[in-house]
Amino acid sequence: MKKTTILSGPTEIISTGTVISFEENPTNFIIELEGNFKLKVNMMFASDSTETYKTQVEFDEEKTELNLTFHNFNSPLGVGNKLPMSLGSFANKNIHLNYRVYSLENVSSKMIHYTFYRSIKEGE
C-alpha cells in the first residue's frame, strides 16, 4: 500500500481532519506513534457568563492524557489557537496541535478542525 506524507514547514503532519462532536460529549484523540508513544488528547467545552474565549490545559502524567477545556467557543466564525500548541516531544521530535472550533447558535455539538504535527528534525 502506498503512503501519503504531508509536510508543512519543519513538520510532518501525523493526523489532520474534521470531526463533529456528538452533542455535548468530549472529543478524544488517541495519538500512537512508532516506538511505544501514546497520548490521549481530550477536548471538552464549557460556557459561562463572561463570554471570554479561554483554553484550560491540564496534563495527567500518570495516564498520559492532555485535557483541553475550551470555554465559550460558541462562534459560527470559528475560534482557535494563533500558533501551534506544543504538546511535548517524543524521540527528540516535538509534537504540536492546531485547531479551529465552530459552533452553530443553540447547537451543543462542535465542529473541530485539527492538525497534529511532528518535527522532521530532532530538537525542532
PDB file of N, CA and C in Angstrom:
ATOM      1  N   MET A   1       0.835  -1.175   0.000  1.00  0.00           N
ATOM      2  CA  MET A   1       0.000   0.000   0.000  1.00  0.00           C
ATOM      3  C   MET A   1       0.885   1.244   0.000  1.00  0.00           C
ATOM      4  N   LYS A   2       0.521   2.218  -0.804  1.00  0.00           N
ATOM      5  CA  LYS A   2       1.275   3.460  -0.869  1.00  0.00           C
ATOM      6  C   LYS A   2       0.875   4.368   0.280  1.00  0.00           C
ATOM      7  N   LYS A   3       1.782   5.266   0.639  1.00  0.00           N
ATOM      8  CA  LYS A   3       1.573   6.161   1.765  1.00  0.00           C
ATOM      9  C   LYS A   3       1.679   7.603   1.293  1.00  0.00           C
ATOM     10  N   THR A   4       0.829   8.467   1.797  1.00  0.00           N
ATOM     11  CA  THR A   4       0.908   9.890   1.524  1.00  0.00           C
ATOM     12  C   THR A   4       1.545  10.565   2.725  1.00  0.00           C
ATOM     13  N   THR A   5       2.578  11.358   2.487  1.00  0.00           N
ATOM     14  CA  THR A   5       3.232  12.132   3.532  1.00  0.00           C
ATOM     15  C   THR A   5       2.965  13.600   3.257  1.00  0.00           C
ATOM     16  N   ILE A   6       2.511  14.323   4.280  1.00  0.00           N
ATOM     17  CA  ILE A   6       2.246  15.756   4.148  1.00  0.00           C
ATOM     18  C   ILE A   6       3.221  16.491   5.054  1.00  0.00           C
ATOM     19  N   LEU A   7       3.944  17.452   4.474  1.00  0.00           N
ATOM     20  CA  LEU A   7       4.898  18.265   5.221  1.00  0.00           C
ATOM     21  C   LEU A   7       4.407  19.706   5.235  1.00  0.00           C
ATOM     22  N   SER A   8       4.652  20.394   6.334  1.00  0.00           N
ATOM     23  CA  SER A   8       4.332  21.815   6.445  1.00  0.00           C
ATOM     24  C   SER A   8       5.449  22.472   7.233  1.00  0.00           C
ATOM     25  N   GLY A   9       6.249  23.289   6.547  1.00  0.00           N
ATOM     26  CA  GLY A   9       7.402  23.908   7.204  1.00  0.00           C
ATOM     27  C   GLY A   9       8.322  22.832   7.734  1.00  0.00           C
ATOM     28  N   PRO A  10       8.748  22.963   8.991  1.00  0.00           N
ATOM     29  CA  PRO A  10       9.680  21.991   9.558  1.00  0.00           C
ATOM     30  C   PRO A  10       9.007  20.761  10.167  1.00  0.00           C
ATOM     31  N   THR A  11       7.715  20.524   9.815  1.00  0.00           N
ATOM     32  CA  THR A  11       6.980  19.431  10.449  1.00  0.00           C
ATOM     33  C   THR A  11       6.336  18.496   9.444  1.00  0.00           C
ATOM     34  N   GLU A  12       6.065  17.307   9.939  1.00  0.00           N
ATOM     35  CA  GLU A  12       5.285  16.306   9.218  1.00  0.00           C
ATOM     36  C   GLU A  12       3.907  16.258   9.877  1.00  0.00           C
ATOM     37  N   ILE A  13       2.861  16.225   9.074  1.00  0.00           N
ATOM     38  CA  ILE A  13       1.511  16.132   9.630  1.00  0.00           C
ATOM     39  C   ILE A  13       1.234  14.662   9.926  1.00  0.00           C
ATOM     40  N   ILE A  14       0.973  14.379  11.203  1.00  0.00           N
ATOM     41  CA  ILE A  14       0.746  12.983  11.592  1.00  0.00           C
ATOM     42  C   ILE A  14      -0.742  12.646  11.643  1.00  0.00           C
ATOM     43  N   SER A  15      -1.594  13.672  11.741  1.00  0.00           N
ATOM     44  CA  SER A  15      -3.032  13.443  11.693  1.00  0.00           C
ATOM     45  C   SER A  15      -3.723  14.784  11.459  1.00  0.00           C
ATOM     46  N   THR A  16      -4.708  14.790  10.591  1.00  0.00           N
ATOM     47  CA  THR A  16      -5.469  16.005  10.337  1.00  0.00           C
ATOM     48  C   THR A  16      -6.868  15.629   9.893  1.00  0.00           C
ATOM     49  N   GLY A  17      -7.827  16.482  10.201  1.00  0.00           N
ATOM     50  CA  GLY A  17      -9.185  16.192   9.777  1.00  0.00           C
ATOM     51  C   GLY A  17     -10.193  17.106  10.425  1.00  0.00           C
ATOM     52  N   THR A  18     -11.444  16.740  10.267  1.00  0.00           N
ATOM     53  CA  THR A  18     -12.564  17.461  10.850  1.00  0.00           C
ATOM     54  C   THR A  18     -13.462  16.442  11.538  1.00  0.00           C
ATOM     55  N   VAL A  19     -13.923  16.793  12.715  1.00  0.00           N
ATOM     56  CA  VAL A  19     -14.830  15.923  13.455  1.00  0.00           C
ATOM     57  C   VAL A  19     -15.938  16.793  14.048  1.00  0.00           C
ATOM     58  N   ILE A  20     -17.134  16.251  14.093  1.00  0.00           N
ATOM     59  CA  ILE A  20     -18.248  16.932  14.754  1.00  0.00           C
ATOM     60  C   ILE A  20     -18.551  16.148  16.028  1.00  0.00           C
ATOM     61  N   SER A  21     -18.470  16.841  17.146  1.00  0.00           N
ATOM     62  CA  SER A  21     -18.705  16.166  18.426  1.00  0.00           C
ATOM     63  C   SER A  21     -20.147  15.661  18.500  1.00  0.00           C
ATOM     64  N   PHE A  22     -20.342  14.620  19.268  1.00  0.00           N
ATOM     65  CA  PHE A  22     -21.684  14.079  19.483  1.00  0.00           C
ATOM     66  C   PHE A  22     -22.301  14.836  20.643  1.00  0.00           C
ATOM     67  N   GLU A  23     -23.178  15.765  20.315  1.00  0.00           N
ATOM     68  CA  GLU A  23     -23.843  16.611  21.291  1.00  0.00           C
ATOM     69  C   GLU A  23     -22.809  17.272  22.201  1.00  0.00           C
ATOM     70  N   GLU A  24     -22.991  17.235  23.501  1.00  0.00           N
ATOM     71  CA  GLU A  24     -22.087  17.926  24.428  1.00  0.00           C
ATOM     72  C   GLU A  24     -20.957  17.035  24.934  1.00  0.00           C
ATOM     73  N   ASN A  25     -20.756  15.892  24.311  1.00  0.00           N
ATOM     74  CA  ASN A  25     -19.747  14.948  24.784  1.00  0.00           C
ATOM     75  C   ASN A  25     -18.346  15.392  24.400  1.00  0.00           C
ATOM     76  N   PRO A  26     -17.335  15.027  25.218  1.00  0.00           N
ATOM     77  CA  PRO A  26     -15.948  15.318  24.865  1.00  0.00           C
ATOM     78  C   PRO A  26     -15.556  14.606  23.566  1.00  0.00           C
ATOM     79  N   THR A  27     -14.588  15.149  22.888  1.00  0.00           N
ATOM     80  CA  THR A  27     -13.999  14.515  21.712  1.00  0.00           C
ATOM     81  C   THR A  27     -12.593  14.097  22.109  1.00  0.00           C
ATOM     82  N   ASN A  28     -12.270  12.820  21.915  1.00  0.00           N
ATOM     83  CA  ASN A  28     -10.991  12.268  22.361  1.00  0.00           C
ATOM     84  C   ASN A  28     -10.161  11.809  21.168  1.00  0.00           C
ATOM     85  N   PHE A  29      -8.912  12.229  21.154  1.00  0.00           N
ATOM     86  CA  PHE A  29      -7.960  11.807  20.128  1.00  0.00           C
ATOM     87  C   PHE A  29      -6.909  10.939  20.802  1.00  0.00           C
ATOM     88  N   ILE A  30      -6.622   9.798  20.225  1.00  0.00           N
ATOM     89  CA  ILE A  30      -5.560   8.933  20.740  1.00  0.00           C
ATOM     90  C   ILE A  30      -4.471   8.875  19.680  1.00  0.00           C
ATOM     91  N   ILE A  31      -3.315   9.435  20.012  1.00  0.00           N
ATOM     92  CA  ILE A  31      -2.195   9.512  19.075  1.00  0.00           C
ATOM     93  C   ILE A  31      -1.199   8.428  19.454  1.00  0.00           C
ATOM     94  N   GLU A  32      -0.938   7.528  18.521  1.00  0.00           N
ATOM     95  CA  GLU A  32       0.038   6.465  18.726  1.00  0.00           C
ATOM     96  C   GLU A  32       1.085   6.552  17.625  1.00  0.00           C
ATOM     97  N   LEU A  33       2.333   6.604  18.037  1.00  0.00           N
ATOM     98  CA  LEU A  33       3.453   6.653  17.100  1.00  0.00           C
ATOM     99  C   LEU A  33       4.349   5.445  17.328  1.00  0.00           C
ATOM    100  N   GLU A  34       5.180   5.167  16.331  1.00  0.00           N
ATOM    101  CA  GLU A  34       6.123   4.058  16.478  1.00  0.00           C
ATOM    102  C   GLU A  34       7.001   4.291  17.708  1.00  0.00           C
ATOM    103  N   GLY A  35       7.484   3.230  18.281  1.00  0.00           N
ATOM    104  CA  GLY A  35       8.348   3.345  19.460  1.00  0.00           C
ATOM    105  C   GLY A  35       7.586   3.487  20.759  1.00  0.00           C
ATOM    106  N   ASN A  36       6.334   3.018  20.802  1.00  0.00           N
ATOM    107  CA  ASN A  36       5.566   2.951  22.035  1.00  0.00           C
ATOM    108  C   ASN A  36       5.110   4.320  22.560  1.00  0.00           C
ATOM    109  N   PHE A  37       4.899   5.299  21.701  1.00  0.00           N
ATOM    110  CA  PHE A  37       4.382   6.601  22.112  1.00  0.00           C
ATOM    111  C   PHE A  37       2.868   6.576  22.019  1.00  0.00           C
ATOM    112  N   LYS A  38       2.217   7.004  23.094  1.00  0.00           N
ATOM    113  CA  LYS A  38       0.754   7.082  23.093  1.00  0.00           C
ATOM    114  C   LYS A  38       0.337   8.282  23.938  1.00  0.00           C
ATOM    115  N   LEU A  39      -0.493   9.129  23.360  1.00  0.00           N
ATOM    116  CA  LEU A  39      -1.003  10.305  24.053  1.00  0.00           C
ATOM    117  C   LEU A  39      -2.487  10.435  23.748  1.00  0.00           C
ATOM    118  N   LYS A  40      -3.277  10.658  24.784  1.00  0.00           N
ATOM    119  CA  LYS A  40      -4.711  10.883  24.611  1.00  0.00           C
ATOM    120  C   LYS A  40      -4.976  12.371  24.834  1.00  0.00           C
ATOM    121  N   VAL A  41      -5.631  12.991  23.875  1.00  0.00           N
ATOM    122  CA  VAL A  41      -5.993  14.405  23.963  1.00  0.00           C
ATOM    123  C   VAL A  41      -7.519  14.477  24.038  1.00  0.00           C
ATOM    124  N   ASN A  42      -8.016  15.015  25.146  1.00  0.00           N
ATOM    125  CA  ASN A  42      -9.454  15.124  25.380  1.00  0.00           C
ATOM    126  C   ASN A  42      -9.872  16.581  25.208  1.00  0.00           C
ATOM    127  N   MET A  43     -10.810  16.829  24.302  1.00  0.00           N
ATOM    128  CA  MET A  43     -11.325  18.181  24.096  1.00  0.00           C
ATOM    129  C   MET A  43     -12.726  18.271  24.680  1.00  0.00           C
ATOM    130  N   MET A  44     -12.891  19.221  25.626  1.00  0.00           N
ATOM    131  CA  MET A  44     -14.172  19.418  26.295  1.00  0.00           C
ATOM    132  C   MET A  44     -14.578  20.884  26.155  1.00  0.00           C
ATOM    133  N   PHE A  45     -15.864  21.157  26.271  1.00  0.00           N
ATOM    134  CA  PHE A  45     -16.368  22.507  26.069  1.00  0.00           C
ATOM    135  C   PHE A  45     -17.225  22.925  27.252  1.00  0.00           C
ATOM    136  N   ALA A  46     -17.092  24.213  27.612  1.00  0.00           N
ATOM    137  CA  ALA A  46     -17.870  24.779  28.714  1.00  0.00           C
ATOM    138  C   ALA A  46     -18.220  26.216  28.353  1.00  0.00           C
ATOM    139  N   SER A  47     -19.308  26.689  28.912  1.00  0.00           N
ATOM    140  CA  SER A  47     -19.726  28.074  28.695  1.00  0.00           C
ATOM    141  C   SER A  47     -19.974  28.726  30.044  1.00  0.00           C
ATOM    142  N   ASP A  48     -19.717  30.035  30.103  1.00  0.00           N
ATOM    143  CA  ASP A  48     -20.029  30.795  31.306  1.00  0.00           C
ATOM    144  C   ASP A  48     -20.499  32.183  30.898  1.00  0.00           C
ATOM    145  N   SER A  49     -20.823  32.994  31.851  1.00  0.00           N
ATOM    146  CA  SER A  49     -21.412  34.307  31.570  1.00  0.00           C
ATOM    147  C   SER A  49     -20.399  35.329  31.059  1.00  0.00           C
ATOM    148  N   THR A  50     -19.102  35.042  31.133  1.00  0.00           N
ATOM    149  CA  THR A  50     -18.105  36.044  30.730  1.00  0.00           C
ATOM    150  C   THR A  50     -18.017  36.194  29.216  1.00  0.00           C
ATOM    151  N   GLU A  51     -18.343  35.148  28.486  1.00  0.00           N
ATOM    152  CA  GLU A  51     -18.248  35.126  27.022  1.00  0.00           C
ATOM    153  C   GLU A  51     -16.826  35.364  26.522  1.00  0.00           C
ATOM    154  N   THR A  52     -15.837  35.181  27.379  1.00  0.00           N
ATOM    155  CA  THR A  52     -14.433  35.324  27.002  1.00  0.00           C
ATOM    156  C   THR A  52     -13.889  33.967  26.581  1.00  0.00           C
ATOM    157  N   TYR A  53     -13.195  33.934  25.435  1.00  0.00           N
ATOM    158  CA  TYR A  53     -12.581  32.685  24.986  1.00  0.00           C
ATOM    159  C   TYR A  53     -11.403  32.360  25.897  1.00  0.00           C
ATOM    160  N   LYS A  54     -11.362  31.126  26.369  1.00  0.00           N
ATOM    161  CA  LYS A  54     -10.274  30.707  27.247  1.00  0.00           C
ATOM    162  C   LYS A  54     -10.053  29.213  27.048  1.00  0.00           C
ATOM    163  N   THR A  55      -8.789  28.805  27.057  1.00  0.00           N
ATOM    164  CA  THR A  55      -8.456  27.385  26.981  1.00  0.00           C
ATOM    165  C   THR A  55      -7.757  26.979  28.265  1.00  0.00           C
ATOM    166  N   GLN A  56      -8.323  26.005  28.947  1.00  0.00           N
ATOM    167  CA  GLN A  56      -7.742  25.467  30.171  1.00  0.00           C
ATOM    168  C   GLN A  56      -7.003  24.186  29.808  1.00  0.00           C
ATOM    169  N   VAL A  57      -5.733  24.092  30.182  1.00  0.00           N
ATOM    170  CA  VAL A  57      -4.894  22.951  29.822  1.00  0.00           C
ATOM    171  C   VAL A  57      -4.472  22.217  31.094  1.00  0.00           C
ATOM    172  N   GLU A  58      -4.731  20.913  31.138  1.00  0.00           N
ATOM    173  CA  GLU A  58      -4.307  20.073  32.263  1.00  0.00           C
ATOM    174  C   GLU A  58      -3.699  18.799  31.704  1.00  0.00           C
ATOM    175  N   PHE A  59      -2.552  18.408  32.253  1.00  0.00           N
ATOM    176  CA  PHE A  59      -1.902  17.183  31.801  1.00  0.00           C
ATOM    177  C   PHE A  59      -1.852  16.189  32.946  1.00  0.00           C
ATOM    178  N   ASP A  60      -2.350  14.988  32.694  1.00  0.00           N
ATOM    179  CA  ASP A  60      -2.297  13.896  33.664  1.00  0.00           C
ATOM    180  C   ASP A  60      -1.146  12.983  33.248  1.00  0.00           C
ATOM    181  N   GLU A  61      -0.008  13.168  33.889  1.00  0.00           N
ATOM    182  CA  GLU A  61       1.200  12.435  33.503  1.00  0.00           C
ATOM    183  C   GLU A  61       1.048  10.927  33.698  1.00  0.00           C
ATOM    184  N   GLU A  62       0.345  10.533  34.743  1.00  0.00           N
ATOM    185  CA  GLU A  62       0.164   9.107  35.032  1.00  0.00           C
ATOM    186  C   GLU A  62      -0.615   8.399  33.919  1.00  0.00           C
ATOM    187  N   LYS A  63      -1.669   9.053  33.406  1.00  0.00           N
ATOM    188  CA  LYS A  63      -2.495   8.469  32.351  1.00  0.00           C
ATOM    189  C   LYS A  63      -2.005   8.837  30.951  1.00  0.00           C
ATOM    190  N   THR A  64      -1.039   9.739  30.856  1.00  0.00           N
ATOM    191  CA  THR A  64      -0.566  10.293  29.585  1.00  0.00           C
ATOM    192  C   THR A  64      -1.745  10.877  28.809  1.00  0.00           C
ATOM    193  N   GLU A  65      -2.481  11.757  29.499  1.00  0.00           N
ATOM    194  CA  GLU A  65      -3.657  12.390  28.914  1.00  0.00           C
ATOM    195  C   GLU A  65      -3.546  13.899  29.035  1.00  0.00           C
ATOM    196  N   LEU A  66      -3.904  14.575  27.955  1.00  0.00           N
ATOM    197  CA  LEU A  66      -3.967  16.028  27.938  1.00  0.00           C
ATOM    198  C   LEU A  66      -5.435  16.421  27.864  1.00  0.00           C
ATOM    199  N   ASN A  67      -5.894  17.180  28.846  1.00  0.00           N
ATOM    200  CA  ASN A  67      -7.279  17.633  28.883  1.00  0.00           C
ATOM    201  C   ASN A  67      -7.327  19.105  28.497  1.00  0.00           C
ATOM    202  N   LEU A  68      -8.034  19.396  27.417  1.00  0.00           N
ATOM    203  CA  LEU A  68      -8.215  20.765  26.952  1.00  0.00           C
ATOM    204  C   LEU A  68      -9.686  21.126  27.141  1.00  0.00           C
ATOM    205  N   THR A  69      -9.949  22.121  27.978  1.00  0.00           N
ATOM    206  CA  THR A  69     -11.318  22.596  28.163  1.00  0.00           C
ATOM    207  C   THR A  69     -11.416  23.967  27.519  1.00  0.00           C
ATOM    208  N   PHE A  70     -12.280  24.065  26.521  1.00  0.00           N
ATOM    209  CA  PHE A  70     -12.467  25.303  25.779  1.00  0.00           C
ATOM    210  C   PHE A  70     -13.693  26.015  26.334  1.00  0.00           C
ATOM    211  N   HIS A  71     -13.483  27.215  26.861  1.00  0.00           N
ATOM    212  CA  HIS A  71     -14.559  27.993  27.447  1.00  0.00           C
ATOM    213  C   HIS A  71     -15.081  29.005  26.426  1.00  0.00           C
ATOM    214  N   ASN A  72     -16.396  28.992  26.220  1.00  0.00           N
ATOM    215  CA  ASN A  72     -17.097  29.961  25.372  1.00  0.00           C
ATOM    216  C   ASN A  72     -16.693  29.901  23.901  1.00  0.00           C
ATOM    217  N   PHE A  73     -16.356  28.724  23.407  1.00  0.00           N
ATOM    218  CA  PHE A  73     -16.044  28.537  21.985  1.00  0.00           C
ATOM    219  C   PHE A  73     -17.360  28.301  21.251  1.00  0.00           C
ATOM    220  N   ASN A  74     -18.141  29.361  21.113  1.00  0.00           N
ATOM    221  CA  ASN A  74     -19.503  29.256  20.579  1.00  0.00           C
ATOM    222  C   ASN A  74     -19.711  30.081  19.313  1.00  0.00           C
ATOM    223  N   SER A  75     -18.671  30.343  18.567  1.00  0.00           N
ATOM    224  CA  SER A  75     -18.779  31.234  17.411  1.00  0.00           C
ATOM    225  C   SER A  75     -18.957  30.466  16.103  1.00  0.00           C
ATOM    226  N   PRO A  76     -19.920  30.888  15.271  1.00  0.00           N
ATOM    227  CA  PRO A  76     -20.046  30.267  13.944  1.00  0.00           C
ATOM    228  C   PRO A  76     -18.892  30.677  13.017  1.00  0.00           C
ATOM    229  N   LEU A  77     -18.145  31.726  13.398  1.00  0.00           N
ATOM    230  CA  LEU A  77     -16.987  32.168  12.611  1.00  0.00           C
ATOM    231  C   LEU A  77     -15.720  31.395  12.979  1.00  0.00           C
ATOM    232  N   GLY A  78     -15.760  30.669  14.087  1.00  0.00           N
ATOM    233  CA  GLY A  78     -14.632  29.837  14.489  1.00  0.00           C
ATOM    234  C   GLY A  78     -13.729  30.500  15.511  1.00  0.00           C
ATOM    235  N   VAL A  79     -13.191  29.666  16.389  1.00  0.00           N
ATOM    236  CA  VAL A  79     -12.241  30.088  17.411  1.00  0.00           C
ATOM    237  C   VAL A  79     -11.131  29.052  17.405  1.00  0.00           C
ATOM    238  N   GLY A  80      -9.880  29.500  17.563  1.00  0.00           N
ATOM    239  CA  GLY A  80      -8.775  28.544  17.582  1.00  0.00           C
ATOM    240  C   GLY A  80      -7.510  29.181  18.101  1.00  0.00           C
ATOM    241  N   ASN A  81      -6.444  28.409  18.058  1.00  0.00           N
ATOM    242  CA  ASN A  81      -5.171  28.934  18.515  1.00  0.00           C
ATOM    243  C   ASN A  81      -4.469  29.691  17.382  1.00  0.00           C
ATOM    244  N   LYS A  82      -3.682  30.713  17.752  1.00  0.00           N
ATOM    245  CA  LYS A  82      -2.966  31.523  16.768  1.00  0.00           C
ATOM    246  C   LYS A  82      -1.688  30.824  16.306  1.00  0.00           C
ATOM    247  N   LEU A  83      -1.045  30.137  17.214  1.00  0.00           N
ATOM    248  CA  LEU A  83       0.199  29.416  16.930  1.00  0.00           C
ATOM    249  C   LEU A  83       0.017  27.959  17.326  1.00  0.00           C
ATOM    250  N   PRO A  84       0.748  27.048  16.698  1.00  0.00           N
ATOM    251  CA  PRO A  84       0.642  25.641  17.095  1.00  0.00           C
ATOM    252  C   PRO A  84       0.943  25.459  18.594  1.00  0.00           C
ATOM    253  N   MET A  85       0.120  24.673  19.261  1.00  0.00           N
ATOM    254  CA  MET A  85       0.287  24.383  20.680  1.00  0.00           C
ATOM    255  C   MET A  85       1.285  23.239  20.844  1.00  0.00           C
ATOM    256  N   SER A  86       2.300  23.442  21.646  1.00  0.00           N
ATOM    257  CA  SER A  86       3.282  22.389  21.899  1.00  0.00           C
ATOM    258  C   SER A  86       2.686  21.363  22.856  1.00  0.00           C
ATOM    259  N   LEU A  87       2.770  20.084  22.475  1.00  0.00           N
ATOM    260  CA  LEU A  87       2.251  19.007  23.316  1.00  0.00           C
ATOM    261  C   LEU A  87       3.366  18.221  23.990  1.00  0.00           C
ATOM    262  N   GLY A  88       4.609  18.564  23.692  1.00  0.00           N
ATOM    263  CA  GLY A  88       5.743  17.844  24.258  1.00  0.00           C
ATOM    264  C   GLY A  88       6.602  17.281  23.147  1.00  0.00           C
ATOM    265  N   SER A  89       7.413  16.292  23.507  1.00  0.00           N
ATOM    266  CA  SER A  89       8.289  15.689  22.493  1.00  0.00           C
ATOM    267  C   SER A  89       8.384  14.190  22.710  1.00  0.00           C
ATOM    268  N   PHE A  90       8.747  13.519  21.630  1.00  0.00           N
ATOM    269  CA  PHE A  90       8.976  12.084  21.667  1.00  0.00           C
ATOM    270  C   PHE A  90      10.111  11.784  20.704  1.00  0.00           C
ATOM    271  N   ALA A  91      11.085  10.991  21.137  1.00  0.00           N
ATOM    272  CA  ALA A  91      12.269  10.658  20.337  1.00  0.00           C
ATOM    273  C   ALA A  91      12.945  11.947  19.849  1.00  0.00           C
ATOM    274  N   ASN A  92      12.958  12.947  20.732  1.00  0.00           N
ATOM    275  CA  ASN A  92      13.607  14.225  20.474  1.00  0.00           C
ATOM    276  C   ASN A  92      12.971  14.988  19.303  1.00  0.00           C
ATOM    277  N   LYS A  93      11.696  14.706  19.007  1.00  0.00           N
ATOM    278  CA  LYS A  93      10.947  15.433  17.978  1.00  0.00           C
ATOM    279  C   LYS A  93       9.693  16.014  18.633  1.00  0.00           C
ATOM    280  N   ASN A  94       9.472  17.291  18.414  1.00  0.00           N
ATOM    281  CA  ASN A  94       8.360  17.985  19.057  1.00  0.00           C
ATOM    282  C   ASN A  94       7.028  17.630  18.400  1.00  0.00           C
ATOM    283  N   ILE A  95       5.996  17.558  19.226  1.00  0.00           N
ATOM    284  CA  ILE A  95       4.628  17.291  18.782  1.00  0.00           C
ATOM    285  C   ILE A  95       3.817  18.561  19.031  1.00  0.00           C
ATOM    286  N   HIS A  96       3.019  18.986  18.033  1.00  0.00           N
ATOM    287  CA  HIS A  96       2.221  20.210  18.127  1.00  0.00           C
ATOM    288  C   HIS A  96       0.782  19.941  17.685  1.00  0.00           C
ATOM    289  N   LEU A  97      -0.113  20.877  18.060  1.00  0.00           N
ATOM    290  CA  LEU A  97      -1.521  20.798  17.691  1.00  0.00           C
ATOM    291  C   LEU A  97      -2.019  22.170  17.253  1.00  0.00           C
ATOM    292  N   ASN A  98      -2.749  22.205  16.157  1.00  0.00           N
ATOM    293  CA  ASN A  98      -3.513  23.370  15.728  1.00  0.00           C
ATOM    294  C   ASN A  98      -4.980  22.968  15.671  1.00  0.00           C
ATOM    295  N   TYR A  99      -5.879  23.879  16.020  1.00  0.00           N
ATOM    296  CA  TYR A  99      -7.307  23.554  15.988  1.00  0.00           C
ATOM    297  C   TYR A  99      -8.133  24.801  15.693  1.00  0.00           C
ATOM    298  N   ARG A 100      -9.308  24.580  15.145  1.00  0.00           N
ATOM    299  CA  ARG A 100     -10.332  25.604  14.959  1.00  0.00           C
ATOM    300  C   ARG A 100     -11.655  24.950  15.350  1.00  0.00           C
ATOM    301  N   VAL A 101     -12.455  25.672  16.111  1.00  0.00           N
ATOM    302  CA  VAL A 101     -13.731  25.143  16.596  1.00  0.00           C
ATOM    303  C   VAL A 101     -14.850  26.059  16.107  1.00  0.00           C
ATOM    304  N   TYR A 102     -15.877  25.451  15.526  1.00  0.00           N
ATOM    305  CA  TYR A 102     -17.038  26.186  15.021  1.00  0.00           C
ATOM    306  C   TYR A 102     -18.289  25.652  15.716  1.00  0.00           C
ATOM    307  N   SER A 103     -19.220  26.572  15.969  1.00  0.00           N
ATOM    308  CA  SER A 103     -20.451  26.175  16.649  1.00  0.00           C
ATOM    309  C   SER A 103     -21.621  26.973  16.089  1.00  0.00           C
ATOM    310  N   LEU A 104     -22.710  26.305  15.805  1.00  0.00           N
ATOM    311  CA  LEU A 104     -23.918  26.996  15.383  1.00  0.00           C
ATOM    312  C   LEU A 104     -24.680  27.448  16.624  1.00  0.00           C
ATOM    313  N   GLU A 105     -25.442  28.502  16.487  1.00  0.00           N
ATOM    314  CA  GLU A 105     -26.205  29.025  17.609  1.00  0.00           C
ATOM    315  C   GLU A 105     -27.212  27.984  18.094  1.00  0.00           C
ATOM    316  N   ASN A 106     -27.294  27.832  19.405  1.00  0.00           N
ATOM    317  CA  ASN A 106     -28.235  26.907  20.064  1.00  0.00           C
ATOM    318  C   ASN A 106     -28.013  25.448  19.674  1.00  0.00           C
ATOM    319  N   VAL A 107     -26.787  25.091  19.295  1.00  0.00           N
ATOM    320  CA  VAL A 107     -26.440  23.707  18.973  1.00  0.00           C
ATOM    321  C   VAL A 107     -25.311  23.285  19.903  1.00  0.00           C
ATOM    322  N   SER A 108     -25.456  22.132  20.560  1.00  0.00           N
ATOM    323  CA  SER A 108     -24.453  21.715  21.540  1.00  0.00           C
ATOM    324  C   SER A 108     -23.229  21.056  20.905  1.00  0.00           C
ATOM    325  N   SER A 109     -23.354  20.506  19.710  1.00  0.00           N
ATOM    326  CA  SER A 109     -22.200  19.867  19.080  1.00  0.00           C
ATOM    327  C   SER A 109     -21.280  20.924  18.484  1.00  0.00           C
ATOM    328  N   LYS A 110     -20.004  20.580  18.354  1.00  0.00           N
ATOM    329  CA  LYS A 110     -18.980  21.475  17.819  1.00  0.00           C
ATOM    330  C   LYS A 110     -18.320  20.812  16.617  1.00  0.00           C
ATOM    331  N   MET A 111     -17.955  21.632  15.623  1.00  0.00           N
ATOM    332  CA  MET A 111     -17.153  21.129  14.511  1.00  0.00           C
ATOM    333  C   MET A 111     -15.708  21.523  14.803  1.00  0.00           C
ATOM    334  N   ILE A 112     -14.823  20.524  14.830  1.00  0.00           N
ATOM    335  CA  ILE A 112     -13.420  20.736  15.183  1.00  0.00           C
ATOM    336  C   ILE A 112     -12.546  20.388  13.986  1.00  0.00           C
ATOM    337  N   HIS A 113     -11.796  21.372  13.500  1.00  0.00           N
ATOM    338  CA  HIS A 113     -10.743  21.110  12.515  1.00  0.00           C
ATOM    339  C   HIS A 113      -9.456  20.968  13.322  1.00  0.00           C
ATOM    340  N   TYR A 114      -8.691  19.929  13.071  1.00  0.00           N
ATOM    341  CA  TYR A 114      -7.484  19.702  13.868  1.00  0.00           C
ATOM    342  C   TYR A 114      -6.332  19.246  12.972  1.00  0.00           C
ATOM    343  N   THR A 115      -5.124  19.551  13.422  1.00  0.00           N
ATOM    344  CA  THR A 115      -3.910  19.025  12.793  1.00  0.00           C
ATOM    345  C   THR A 115      -2.881  18.774  13.887  1.00  0.00           C
ATOM    346  N   PHE A 116      -2.351  17.550  13.928  1.00  0.00           N
ATOM    347  CA  PHE A 116      -1.237  17.194  14.811  1.00  0.00           C
ATOM    348  C   PHE A 116       0.031  17.135  13.958  1.00  0.00           C
ATOM    349  N   TYR A 117       1.095  17.752  14.456  1.00  0.00           N
ATOM    350  CA  TYR A 117       2.364  17.823  13.734  1.00  0.00           C
ATOM    351  C   TYR A 117       3.475  17.144  14.546  1.00  0.00           C
ATOM    352  N   ARG A 118       4.514  16.702  13.830  1.00  0.00           N
ATOM    353  CA  ARG A 118       5.730  16.195  14.474  1.00  0.00           C
ATOM    354  C   ARG A 118       6.914  16.807  13.729  1.00  0.00           C
ATOM    355  N   SER A 119       7.895  17.300  14.492  1.00  0.00           N
ATOM    356  CA  SER A 119       9.100  17.864  13.868  1.00  0.00           C
ATOM    357  C   SER A 119       9.782  16.828  12.986  1.00  0.00           C
ATOM    358  N   ILE A 120      10.311  17.299  11.864  1.00  0.00           N
ATOM    359  CA  ILE A 120      11.045  16.404  10.956  1.00  0.00           C
ATOM    360  C   ILE A 120      12.444  16.143  11.515  1.00  0.00           C
ATOM    361  N   LYS A 121      13.089  17.218  11.975  1.00  0.00           N
ATOM    362  CA  LYS A 121      14.445  17.101  12.528  1.00  0.00           C
ATOM    363  C   LYS A 121      14.390  17.030  14.045  1.00  0.00           C
ATOM    364  N   GLU A 122      15.314  16.333  14.634  1.00  0.00           N
ATOM    365  CA  GLU A 122      15.368  16.221  16.084  1.00  0.00           C
ATOM    366  C   GLU A 122      15.598  17.589  16.700  1.00  0.00           C
ATOM    367  N   GLY A 123      14.918  17.853  17.810  1.00  0.00           N
ATOM    368  CA  GLY A 123      15.107  19.077  18.566  1.00  0.00           C
ATOM    369  C   GLY A 123      14.368  20.289  18.016  1.00  0.00           C
ATOM    370  N   GLU A 124      13.644  20.154  16.921  1.00  0.00           N
ATOM    371  CA  GLU A 124      12.911  21.307  16.358  1.00  0.00           C
ATOM    372  C   GLU A 124      11.439  21.234  16.654  1.00  0.00           C
TER     373      GLU A 124
END
